[in-house]
Protein backbone atom coordinates (compact mmCIF):
# COMPACT_ATOMS: atom_id res chain seq x y z
CA GLU A 1 25.44 18.88 -45.33
CA PRO A 2 23.83 20.22 -42.18
CA GLY A 3 21.39 18.01 -40.34
CA ARG A 4 22.72 14.73 -41.76
CA PRO A 5 25.47 13.59 -39.38
CA GLY A 6 25.09 9.92 -40.34
CA ARG A 7 25.65 10.69 -44.02
CA GLY A 8 28.89 12.65 -43.89
CA GLY A 9 27.18 15.82 -42.70
CA TYR A 10 27.14 17.53 -39.35
CA THR A 11 24.73 18.83 -36.74
CA LEU A 12 24.55 22.59 -36.69
CA GLN A 13 24.40 22.63 -32.90
CA GLU A 14 27.72 20.76 -32.61
CA ALA A 15 29.38 22.82 -35.35
CA LEU A 16 28.45 26.08 -33.63
CA ASP A 17 29.39 24.83 -30.17
CA TRP A 18 26.98 27.29 -28.54
CA ASN A 19 25.48 26.56 -25.15
CA PRO A 20 22.21 24.61 -25.48
CA LYS A 21 19.99 27.51 -24.34
CA ALA A 22 21.48 29.92 -26.88
CA TYR A 23 21.14 27.39 -29.70
CA THR A 24 17.51 26.60 -28.78
CA LYS A 25 16.69 30.32 -28.69
CA PHE A 26 18.34 30.79 -32.12
CA LYS A 27 16.52 27.78 -33.59
CA LYS A 28 13.08 28.85 -32.30
CA PHE A 29 13.62 32.42 -33.48
CA MET A 30 14.71 31.25 -36.94
CA HIS A 31 11.78 28.85 -37.29
CA HIS A 32 9.41 31.70 -36.40
CA LEU A 33 11.02 34.05 -38.96
CA ILE A 34 11.03 31.40 -41.68
CA ASP A 35 7.41 30.41 -41.06
CA GLU A 36 6.37 34.08 -41.00
CA HIS A 37 8.22 35.39 -44.08
CA LEU A 38 8.99 32.50 -46.44
CA ASP A 39 6.97 29.98 -48.45
CA THR A 40 7.47 26.83 -46.40
CA THR A 41 6.21 24.63 -49.24
CA LYS A 42 9.30 25.51 -51.31
CA CYS A 43 13.00 24.77 -50.82
CA ALA A 44 15.54 27.52 -50.10
CA SER A 45 16.63 27.93 -53.73
CA SER A 46 13.02 28.63 -54.78
CA GLN A 47 12.48 31.44 -52.27
CA ASN A 48 12.08 35.12 -53.06
CA HIS A 49 15.52 36.71 -52.54
CA ALA A 50 14.10 39.88 -50.98
CA LEU A 51 12.24 37.81 -48.37
CA LEU A 52 15.38 35.77 -47.64
CA LYS A 53 17.24 39.03 -47.05
CA ILE A 54 14.53 40.18 -44.61
CA VAL A 55 14.88 36.92 -42.66
CA ARG A 56 18.70 37.21 -42.63
CA ASP A 57 18.65 40.86 -41.57
CA LYS A 58 16.19 40.23 -38.72
CA ALA A 59 18.23 37.24 -37.54
CA VAL A 60 21.48 39.25 -37.50
CA ASP A 61 19.72 42.05 -35.60
CA ALA A 62 18.59 39.53 -32.97
CA PHE A 63 21.86 37.54 -32.95
CA PRO A 64 24.72 39.97 -33.76
CA ASP A 65 27.31 37.19 -33.23
CA LEU A 66 26.23 35.77 -36.60
CA GLU A 67 28.36 38.49 -38.21
CA ASN A 68 31.42 36.57 -36.95
CA TYR A 69 30.67 33.67 -39.32
CA SER A 70 31.87 33.82 -42.91
CA GLY A 71 28.90 34.38 -45.21
CA TYR A 72 26.53 33.91 -42.26
CA TRP A 73 26.78 30.15 -42.84
CA PRO A 74 24.89 29.13 -39.65
CA LEU A 75 21.99 31.30 -40.72
CA ASN A 76 21.95 29.91 -44.26
CA ASP A 77 22.22 26.34 -42.96
CA MET A 78 19.30 26.86 -40.57
CA ILE A 79 17.15 28.29 -43.37
CA MET A 80 18.06 25.42 -45.68
CA MET A 81 17.36 22.75 -43.05
CA ARG A 82 14.03 24.26 -42.00
CA LEU A 83 12.78 24.66 -45.57
CA LYS A 84 13.98 21.19 -46.54
CA TYR A 85 11.90 19.81 -43.67
CA THR A 86 8.79 21.94 -44.25
CA SER A 87 8.75 21.53 -48.04
CA GLY A 88 9.17 17.77 -47.65
CA ARG A 89 6.26 17.65 -45.21
CA ALA A 90 4.14 19.69 -47.62
CA ARG A 91 4.94 17.25 -50.46
CA GLN A 92 4.04 14.28 -48.23
CA LYS A 93 0.76 15.92 -47.26
CA GLU A 94 -0.01 16.64 -50.91
CA ALA A 95 0.80 13.04 -51.89
CA LYS A 96 -1.45 11.68 -49.12
CA SER A 97 -4.35 13.91 -50.12
CA GLY A 98 -3.93 12.80 -53.73
CA ALA A 99 -3.54 9.11 -52.80
CA GLY A 100 -7.27 8.60 -52.33
CA LYS A 101 -8.02 9.82 -55.83
CA THR A 102 -8.00 7.16 -58.51
CA LYS A 103 -7.22 7.74 -62.12
CA THR A 104 -9.61 6.21 -64.60
CA LYS A 105 -8.05 4.24 -67.38
CA ILE A 106 -9.22 4.84 -70.89
CA LYS A 107 -10.17 1.65 -72.65
CA LYS A 108 -9.35 1.35 -76.33
């Protein structure tokens, strides 16, 4: 799994073996596209497929080398990692905002 090198996964940056500037440019561009077009409170599997295609197409236009990777796996991994992070943060924020609310118990 990308982004979990300590748990049998790998870092995308090391797997791609791109120079650091190119990887940073790719990462920033992808984060911008994802934040602009997708629902960052949902995981990748819950996204609208047409919007995912828009993000993929724009990324390949900006980074044509992505066509050299089977199934655009770096692109899909970046989307998955970003949405896993943002949806997790949204759930944490929702839990914190709900933490102050107390439920009243019904006495019998």
